[in-house]
Amino acid sequence: MDVATERPVKAQLTTARLLLAQFIAQLDEYGAMNREARRTPRGRDLSARLDGLKEGREKWAKKVDELEARLATEVTE
């Protein structure tokens, strides 16, 4: 019997916030790099993943908003 179990919303929110923070940190790191730093292996890695990092930040920001709203609804019920 396959029963899908969903993690508690609070736990999902914690994970979503952690993932969002990781995307933000990498984008901030890239933003703080000068031209020379962007030529390093780390800079090239971030440059190659820049579009994905922006998409990830957007996706997880939306997920955090959704989970916060869901958690607020659960608390008020």
PDB file of N, CA and C in Angstrom:
ATOM      1  N   MET A   1       0.844  -1.174   0.000  1.00  0.00           N
ATOM      2  CA  MET A   1       0.000   0.000   0.000  1.00  0.00           C
ATOM      3  C   MET A   1       0.891   1.240   0.000  1.00  0.00           C
ATOM      4  N   ASP A   2       0.700   2.083  -1.002  1.00  0.00           N
ATOM      5  CA  ASP A   2       1.458   3.322  -1.105  1.00  0.00           C
ATOM      6  C   ASP A   2       0.650   4.474  -0.546  1.00  0.00           C
ATOM      7  N   VAL A   3       1.102   4.985   0.569  1.00  0.00           N
ATOM      8  CA  VAL A   3       0.429   6.137   1.166  1.00  0.00           C
ATOM      9  C   VAL A   3       1.426   7.286   1.172  1.00  0.00           C
ATOM     10  N   ALA A   4       1.101   8.327   0.428  1.00  0.00           N
ATOM     11  CA  ALA A   4       1.971   9.497   0.385  1.00  0.00           C
ATOM     12  C   ALA A   4       1.812  10.268   1.692  1.00  0.00           C
ATOM     13  N   THR A   5       2.905  10.459   2.361  1.00  0.00           N
ATOM     14  CA  THR A   5       2.856  11.237   3.596  1.00  0.00           C
ATOM     15  C   THR A   5       3.516  12.584   3.342  1.00  0.00           C
ATOM     16  N   GLU A   6       2.834  13.603   3.755  1.00  0.00           N
ATOM     17  CA  GLU A   6       3.351  14.955   3.572  1.00  0.00           C
ATOM     18  C   GLU A   6       3.981  15.414   4.875  1.00  0.00           C
ATOM     19  N   ARG A   7       5.131  16.034   4.741  1.00  0.00           N
ATOM     20  CA  ARG A   7       5.796  16.579   5.922  1.00  0.00           C
ATOM     21  C   ARG A   7       4.974  17.741   6.457  1.00  0.00           C
ATOM     22  N   PRO A   8       5.079  18.009   7.750  1.00  0.00           N
ATOM     23  CA  PRO A   8       4.364  19.157   8.318  1.00  0.00           C
ATOM     24  C   PRO A   8       4.770  20.456   7.594  1.00  0.00           C
ATOM     25  N   VAL A   9       3.832  21.373   7.483  1.00  0.00           N
ATOM     26  CA  VAL A   9       4.065  22.626   6.773  1.00  0.00           C
ATOM     27  C   VAL A   9       5.243  23.383   7.376  1.00  0.00           C
ATOM     28  N   LYS A  10       5.351  23.381   8.687  1.00  0.00           N
ATOM     29  CA  LYS A  10       6.456  24.096   9.347  1.00  0.00           C
ATOM     30  C   LYS A  10       7.816  23.527   8.906  1.00  0.00           C
ATOM     31  N   ALA A  11       7.888  22.210   8.785  1.00  0.00           N
ATOM     32  CA  ALA A  11       9.136  21.577   8.342  1.00  0.00           C
ATOM     33  C   ALA A  11       9.415  21.907   6.880  1.00  0.00           C
ATOM     34  N   GLN A  12       8.371  21.900   6.049  1.00  0.00           N
ATOM     35  CA  GLN A  12       8.539  22.265   4.641  1.00  0.00           C
ATOM     36  C   GLN A  12       9.009  23.709   4.509  1.00  0.00           C
ATOM     37  N   LEU A  13       8.452  24.581   5.338  1.00  0.00           N
ATOM     38  CA  LEU A  13       8.824  25.989   5.299  1.00  0.00           C
ATOM     39  C   LEU A  13      10.285  26.174   5.699  1.00  0.00           C
ATOM     40  N   THR A  14      10.726  25.449   6.696  1.00  0.00           N
ATOM     41  CA  THR A  14      12.124  25.529   7.125  1.00  0.00           C
ATOM     42  C   THR A  14      13.051  25.122   5.983  1.00  0.00           C
ATOM     43  N   THR A  15      12.723  24.038   5.313  1.00  0.00           N
ATOM     44  CA  THR A  15      13.532  23.571   4.188  1.00  0.00           C
ATOM     45  C   THR A  15      13.508  24.580   3.042  1.00  0.00           C
ATOM     46  N   ALA A  16      12.332  25.100   2.726  1.00  0.00           N
ATOM     47  CA  ALA A  16      12.207  26.072   1.635  1.00  0.00           C
ATOM     48  C   ALA A  16      13.012  27.328   1.939  1.00  0.00           C
ATOM     49  N   ARG A  17      12.988  27.782   3.171  1.00  0.00           N
ATOM     50  CA  ARG A  17      13.761  28.978   3.548  1.00  0.00           C
ATOM     51  C   ARG A  17      15.258  28.712   3.420  1.00  0.00           C
ATOM     52  N   LEU A  18      15.683  27.510   3.792  1.00  0.00           N
ATOM     53  CA  LEU A  18      17.097  27.146   3.678  1.00  0.00           C
ATOM     54  C   LEU A  18      17.530  27.148   2.213  1.00  0.00           C
ATOM     55  N   LEU A  19      16.723  26.538   1.354  1.00  0.00           N
ATOM     56  CA  LEU A  19      17.056  26.502  -0.071  1.00  0.00           C
ATOM     57  C   LEU A  19      17.068  27.907  -0.671  1.00  0.00           C
ATOM     58  N   LEU A  20      16.090  28.720  -0.311  1.00  0.00           N
ATOM     59  CA  LEU A  20      16.049  30.104  -0.789  1.00  0.00           C
ATOM     60  C   LEU A  20      17.310  30.849  -0.356  1.00  0.00           C
ATOM     61  N   ALA A  21      17.701  30.670   0.882  1.00  0.00           N
ATOM     62  CA  ALA A  21      18.901  31.349   1.388  1.00  0.00           C
ATOM     63  C   ALA A  21      20.147  30.927   0.623  1.00  0.00           C
ATOM     64  N   GLN A  22      20.220  29.656   0.228  1.00  0.00           N
ATOM     65  CA  GLN A  22      21.374  29.192  -0.535  1.00  0.00           C
ATOM     66  C   GLN A  22      21.429  29.847  -1.918  1.00  0.00           C
ATOM     67  N   PHE A  23      20.269  29.962  -2.577  1.00  0.00           N
ATOM     68  CA  PHE A  23      20.242  30.638  -3.874  1.00  0.00           C
ATOM     69  C   PHE A  23      20.633  32.103  -3.720  1.00  0.00           C
ATOM     70  N   ILE A  24      20.095  32.767  -2.715  1.00  0.00           N
ATOM     71  CA  ILE A  24      20.404  34.178  -2.485  1.00  0.00           C
ATOM     72  C   ILE A  24      21.891  34.364  -2.190  1.00  0.00           C
ATOM     73  N   ALA A  25      22.458  33.487  -1.378  1.00  0.00           N
ATOM     74  CA  ALA A  25      23.877  33.601  -1.021  1.00  0.00           C
ATOM     75  C   ALA A  25      24.767  33.467  -2.250  1.00  0.00           C
ATOM     76  N   GLN A  26      24.436  32.530  -3.129  1.00  0.00           N
ATOM     77  CA  GLN A  26      25.244  32.352  -4.335  1.00  0.00           C
ATOM     78  C   GLN A  26      25.105  33.537  -5.287  1.00  0.00           C
ATOM     79  N   LEU A  27      23.897  34.069  -5.403  1.00  0.00           N
ATOM     80  CA  LEU A  27      23.703  35.254  -6.248  1.00  0.00           C
ATOM     81  C   LEU A  27      24.417  36.470  -5.663  1.00  0.00           C
ATOM     82  N   ASP A  28      24.379  36.604  -4.344  1.00  0.00           N
ATOM     83  CA  ASP A  28      25.101  37.703  -3.690  1.00  0.00           C
ATOM     84  C   ASP A  28      26.608  37.560  -3.886  1.00  0.00           C
ATOM     85  N   GLU A  29      27.087  36.316  -3.778  1.00  0.00           N
ATOM     86  CA  GLU A  29      28.513  36.056  -3.980  1.00  0.00           C
ATOM     87  C   GLU A  29      28.924  36.481  -5.395  1.00  0.00           C
ATOM     88  N   TYR A  30      28.119  36.088  -6.370  1.00  0.00           N
ATOM     89  CA  TYR A  30      28.405  36.457  -7.756  1.00  0.00           C
ATOM     90  C   TYR A  30      28.349  37.977  -7.938  1.00  0.00           C
ATOM     91  N   GLY A  31      27.355  38.604  -7.351  1.00  0.00           N
ATOM     92  CA  GLY A  31      27.213  40.048  -7.459  1.00  0.00           C
ATOM     93  C   GLY A  31      28.373  40.819  -6.854  1.00  0.00           C
ATOM     94  N   ALA A  32      29.002  40.241  -5.853  1.00  0.00           N
ATOM     95  CA  ALA A  32      30.116  40.908  -5.188  1.00  0.00           C
ATOM     96  C   ALA A  32      31.449  40.693  -5.916  1.00  0.00           C
ATOM     97  N   MET A  33      31.449  39.805  -6.903  1.00  0.00           N
ATOM     98  CA  MET A  33      32.695  39.511  -7.621  1.00  0.00           C
ATOM     99  C   MET A  33      33.001  40.601  -8.643  1.00  0.00           C
ATOM    100  N   ASN A  34      34.273  40.956  -8.724  1.00  0.00           N
ATOM    101  CA  ASN A  34      34.703  41.854  -9.794  1.00  0.00           C
ATOM    102  C   ASN A  34      35.029  41.013 -11.036  1.00  0.00           C
ATOM    103  N   ARG A  35      35.397  41.665 -12.100  1.00  0.00           N
ATOM    104  CA  ARG A  35      35.654  40.959 -13.362  1.00  0.00           C
ATOM    105  C   ARG A  35      36.721  39.879 -13.194  1.00  0.00           C
ATOM    106  N   GLU A  36      37.767  40.188 -12.451  1.00  0.00           N
ATOM    107  CA  GLU A  36      38.852  39.224 -12.257  1.00  0.00           C
ATOM    108  C   GLU A  36      38.367  38.001 -11.478  1.00  0.00           C
ATOM    109  N   ALA A  37      37.579  38.242 -10.448  1.00  0.00           N
ATOM    110  CA  ALA A  37      37.070  37.135  -9.630  1.00  0.00           C
ATOM    111  C   ALA A  37      36.125  36.242 -10.430  1.00  0.00           C
ATOM    112  N   ARG A  38      35.416  36.821 -11.385  1.00  0.00           N
ATOM    113  CA  ARG A  38      34.493  36.028 -12.209  1.00  0.00           C
ATOM    114  C   ARG A  38      35.225  35.122 -13.186  1.00  0.00           C
ATOM    115  N   ARG A  39      36.530  35.333 -13.332  1.00  0.00           N
ATOM    116  CA  ARG A  39      37.347  34.480 -14.202  1.00  0.00           C
ATOM    117  C   ARG A  39      37.932  33.278 -13.453  1.00  0.00           C
ATOM    118  N   THR A  40      37.784  33.262 -12.144  1.00  0.00           N
ATOM    119  CA  THR A  40      38.265  32.126 -11.356  1.00  0.00           C
ATOM    120  C   THR A  40      37.337  30.933 -11.587  1.00  0.00           C
ATOM    121  N   PRO A  41      37.767  29.739 -11.197  1.00  0.00           N
ATOM    122  CA  PRO A  41      36.874  28.584 -11.355  1.00  0.00           C
ATOM    123  C   PRO A  41      35.514  28.789 -10.666  1.00  0.00           C
ATOM    124  N   ARG A  42      35.520  29.358  -9.485  1.00  0.00           N
ATOM    125  CA  ARG A  42      34.257  29.598  -8.782  1.00  0.00           C
ATOM    126  C   ARG A  42      33.405  30.629  -9.533  1.00  0.00           C
ATOM    127  N   GLY A  43      34.016  31.666 -10.006  1.00  0.00           N
ATOM    128  CA  GLY A  43      33.296  32.688 -10.754  1.00  0.00           C
ATOM    129  C   GLY A  43      32.714  32.133 -12.043  1.00  0.00           C
ATOM    130  N   ARG A  44      33.487  31.316 -12.737  1.00  0.00           N
ATOM    131  CA  ARG A  44      32.979  30.704 -13.970  1.00  0.00           C
ATOM    132  C   ARG A  44      31.835  29.748 -13.673  1.00  0.00           C
ATOM    133  N   ASP A  45      31.946  29.027 -12.560  1.00  0.00           N
ATOM    134  CA  ASP A  45      30.870  28.108 -12.161  1.00  0.00           C
ATOM    135  C   ASP A  45      29.579  28.881 -11.899  1.00  0.00           C
ATOM    136  N   LEU A  46      29.675  29.949 -11.132  1.00  0.00           N
ATOM    137  CA  LEU A  46      28.489  30.761 -10.840  1.00  0.00           C
ATOM    138  C   LEU A  46      27.937  31.396 -12.111  1.00  0.00           C
ATOM    139  N   SER A  47      28.825  31.862 -12.990  1.00  0.00           N
ATOM    140  CA  SER A  47      28.386  32.463 -14.248  1.00  0.00           C
ATOM    141  C   SER A  47      27.602  31.465 -15.087  1.00  0.00           C
ATOM    142  N   ALA A  48      28.084  30.243 -15.132  1.00  0.00           N
ATOM    143  CA  ALA A  48      27.427  29.206 -15.926  1.00  0.00           C
ATOM    144  C   ALA A  48      26.051  28.857 -15.365  1.00  0.00           C
ATOM    145  N   ARG A  49      25.877  29.032 -14.058  1.00  0.00           N
ATOM    146  CA  ARG A  49      24.618  28.659 -13.409  1.00  0.00           C
ATOM    147  C   ARG A  49      23.737  29.864 -13.083  1.00  0.00           C
ATOM    148  N   LEU A  50      24.093  31.039 -13.569  1.00  0.00           N
ATOM    149  CA  LEU A  50      23.411  32.270 -13.184  1.00  0.00           C
ATOM    150  C   LEU A  50      21.909  32.234 -13.478  1.00  0.00           C
ATOM    151  N   ASP A  51      21.529  31.800 -14.670  1.00  0.00           N
ATOM    152  CA  ASP A  51      20.098  31.735 -14.994  1.00  0.00           C
ATOM    153  C   ASP A  51      19.366  30.777 -14.062  1.00  0.00           C
ATOM    154  N   GLY A  52      19.963  29.624 -13.814  1.00  0.00           N
ATOM    155  CA  GLY A  52      19.360  28.648 -12.906  1.00  0.00           C
ATOM    156  C   GLY A  52      19.265  29.160 -11.486  1.00  0.00           C
ATOM    157  N   LEU A  53      20.268  29.913 -11.057  1.00  0.00           N
ATOM    158  CA  LEU A  53      20.237  30.491  -9.708  1.00  0.00           C
ATOM    159  C   LEU A  53      19.095  31.498  -9.573  1.00  0.00           C
ATOM    160  N   LYS A  54      18.905  32.301 -10.599  1.00  0.00           N
ATOM    161  CA  LYS A  54      17.814  33.287 -10.571  1.00  0.00           C
ATOM    162  C   LYS A  54      16.456  32.584 -10.580  1.00  0.00           C
ATOM    163  N   GLU A  55      16.330  31.544 -11.404  1.00  0.00           N
ATOM    164  CA  GLU A  55      15.080  30.779 -11.454  1.00  0.00           C
ATOM    165  C   GLU A  55      14.820  30.085 -10.120  1.00  0.00           C
ATOM    166  N   GLY A  56      15.871  29.538  -9.545  1.00  0.00           N
ATOM    167  CA  GLY A  56      15.736  28.867  -8.251  1.00  0.00           C
ATOM    168  C   GLY A  56      15.321  29.825  -7.154  1.00  0.00           C
ATOM    169  N   ARG A  57      15.913  31.007  -7.164  1.00  0.00           N
ATOM    170  CA  ARG A  57      15.536  32.012  -6.164  1.00  0.00           C
ATOM    171  C   ARG A  57      14.059  32.367  -6.307  1.00  0.00           C
ATOM    172  N   GLU A  58      13.609  32.563  -7.535  1.00  0.00           N
ATOM    173  CA  GLU A  58      12.211  32.908  -7.774  1.00  0.00           C
ATOM    174  C   GLU A  58      11.281  31.769  -7.337  1.00  0.00           C
ATOM    175  N   LYS A  59      11.629  30.550  -7.712  1.00  0.00           N
ATOM    176  CA  LYS A  59      10.805  29.384  -7.368  1.00  0.00           C
ATOM    177  C   LYS A  59      10.669  29.227  -5.859  1.00  0.00           C
ATOM    178  N   TRP A  60      11.792  29.311  -5.154  1.00  0.00           N
ATOM    179  CA  TRP A  60      11.745  29.074  -3.713  1.00  0.00           C
ATOM    180  C   TRP A  60      11.180  30.254  -2.948  1.00  0.00           C
ATOM    181  N   ALA A  61      11.305  31.458  -3.482  1.00  0.00           N
ATOM    182  CA  ALA A  61      10.657  32.617  -2.855  1.00  0.00           C
ATOM    183  C   ALA A  61       9.141  32.442  -2.913  1.00  0.00           C
ATOM    184  N   LYS A  62       8.637  31.985  -4.062  1.00  0.00           N
ATOM    185  CA  LYS A  62       7.200  31.729  -4.189  1.00  0.00           C
ATOM    186  C   LYS A  62       6.764  30.622  -3.241  1.00  0.00           C
ATOM    187  N   LYS A  63       7.583  29.571  -3.153  1.00  0.00           N
ATOM    188  CA  LYS A  63       7.235  28.439  -2.282  1.00  0.00           C
ATOM    189  C   LYS A  63       7.206  28.885  -0.821  1.00  0.00           C
ATOM    190  N   VAL A  64       8.151  29.708  -0.415  1.00  0.00           N
ATOM    191  CA  VAL A  64       8.167  30.229   0.952  1.00  0.00           C
ATOM    192  C   VAL A  64       6.898  31.037   1.213  1.00  0.00           C
ATOM    193  N   ASP A  65       6.532  31.898   0.276  1.00  0.00           N
ATOM    194  CA  ASP A  65       5.309  32.695   0.429  1.00  0.00           C
ATOM    195  C   ASP A  65       4.080  31.791   0.571  1.00  0.00           C
ATOM    196  N   GLU A  66       3.998  30.761  -0.286  1.00  0.00           N
ATOM    197  CA  GLU A  66       2.866  29.830  -0.235  1.00  0.00           C
ATOM    198  C   GLU A  66       2.798  29.102   1.113  1.00  0.00           C
ATOM    199  N   LEU A  67       3.942  28.624   1.565  1.00  0.00           N
ATOM    200  CA  LEU A  67       3.974  27.872   2.824  1.00  0.00           C
ATOM    201  C   LEU A  67       3.688  28.775   4.018  1.00  0.00           C
ATOM    202  N   GLU A  68       4.173  30.007   3.983  1.00  0.00           N
ATOM    203  CA  GLU A  68       3.875  30.940   5.075  1.00  0.00           C
ATOM    204  C   GLU A  68       2.378  31.212   5.138  1.00  0.00           C
ATOM    205  N   ALA A  69       1.752  31.386   3.982  1.00  0.00           N
ATOM    206  CA  ALA A  69       0.310  31.618   3.934  1.00  0.00           C
ATOM    207  C   ALA A  69      -0.440  30.384   4.442  1.00  0.00           C
ATOM    208  N   ARG A  70       0.009  29.228   4.022  1.00  0.00           N
ATOM    209  CA  ARG A  70      -0.625  27.976   4.460  1.00  0.00           C
ATOM    210  C   ARG A  70      -0.488  27.778   5.968  1.00  0.00           C
ATOM    211  N   LEU A  71       0.681  28.076   6.479  1.00  0.00           N
ATOM    212  CA  LEU A  71       0.928  27.938   7.913  1.00  0.00           C
ATOM    213  C   LEU A  71       0.050  28.938   8.693  1.00  0.00           C
ATOM    214  N   ALA A  72      -0.069  30.141   8.195  1.00  0.00           N
ATOM    215  CA  ALA A  72      -0.907  31.151   8.856  1.00  0.00           C
ATOM    216  C   ALA A  72      -2.360  30.700   8.876  1.00  0.00           C
ATOM    217  N   THR A  73      -2.806  30.064   7.806  1.00  0.00           N
ATOM    218  CA  THR A  73      -4.178  29.552   7.731  1.00  0.00           C
ATOM    219  C   THR A  73      -4.374  28.432   8.746  1.00  0.00           C
ATOM    220  N   GLU A  74      -3.397  27.544   8.851  1.00  0.00           N
ATOM    221  CA  GLU A  74      -3.491  26.431   9.798  1.00  0.00           C
ATOM    222  C   GLU A  74      -3.517  26.929  11.233  1.00  0.00           C
ATOM    223  N   VAL A  75      -2.750  27.966  11.511  1.00  0.00           N
ATOM    224  CA  VAL A  75      -2.670  28.503  12.874  1.00  0.00           C
ATOM    225  C   VAL A  75      -3.983  29.163  13.281  1.00  0.00           C
ATOM    226  N   THR A  76      -4.635  29.833  12.319  1.00  0.00           N
ATOM    227  CA  THR A  76      -5.872  30.542  12.655  1.00  0.00           C
ATOM    228  C   THR A  76      -7.093  29.629  12.698  1.00  0.00           C
ATOM    229  N   GLU A  77      -6.965  28.418  12.185  1.00  0.00           N
ATOM    230  CA  GLU A  77      -8.108  27.493  12.199  1.00  0.00           C
ATOM    231  C   GLU A  77      -8.259  26.813  13.528  1.00  0.00           C
TER     232      GLU A  77
END
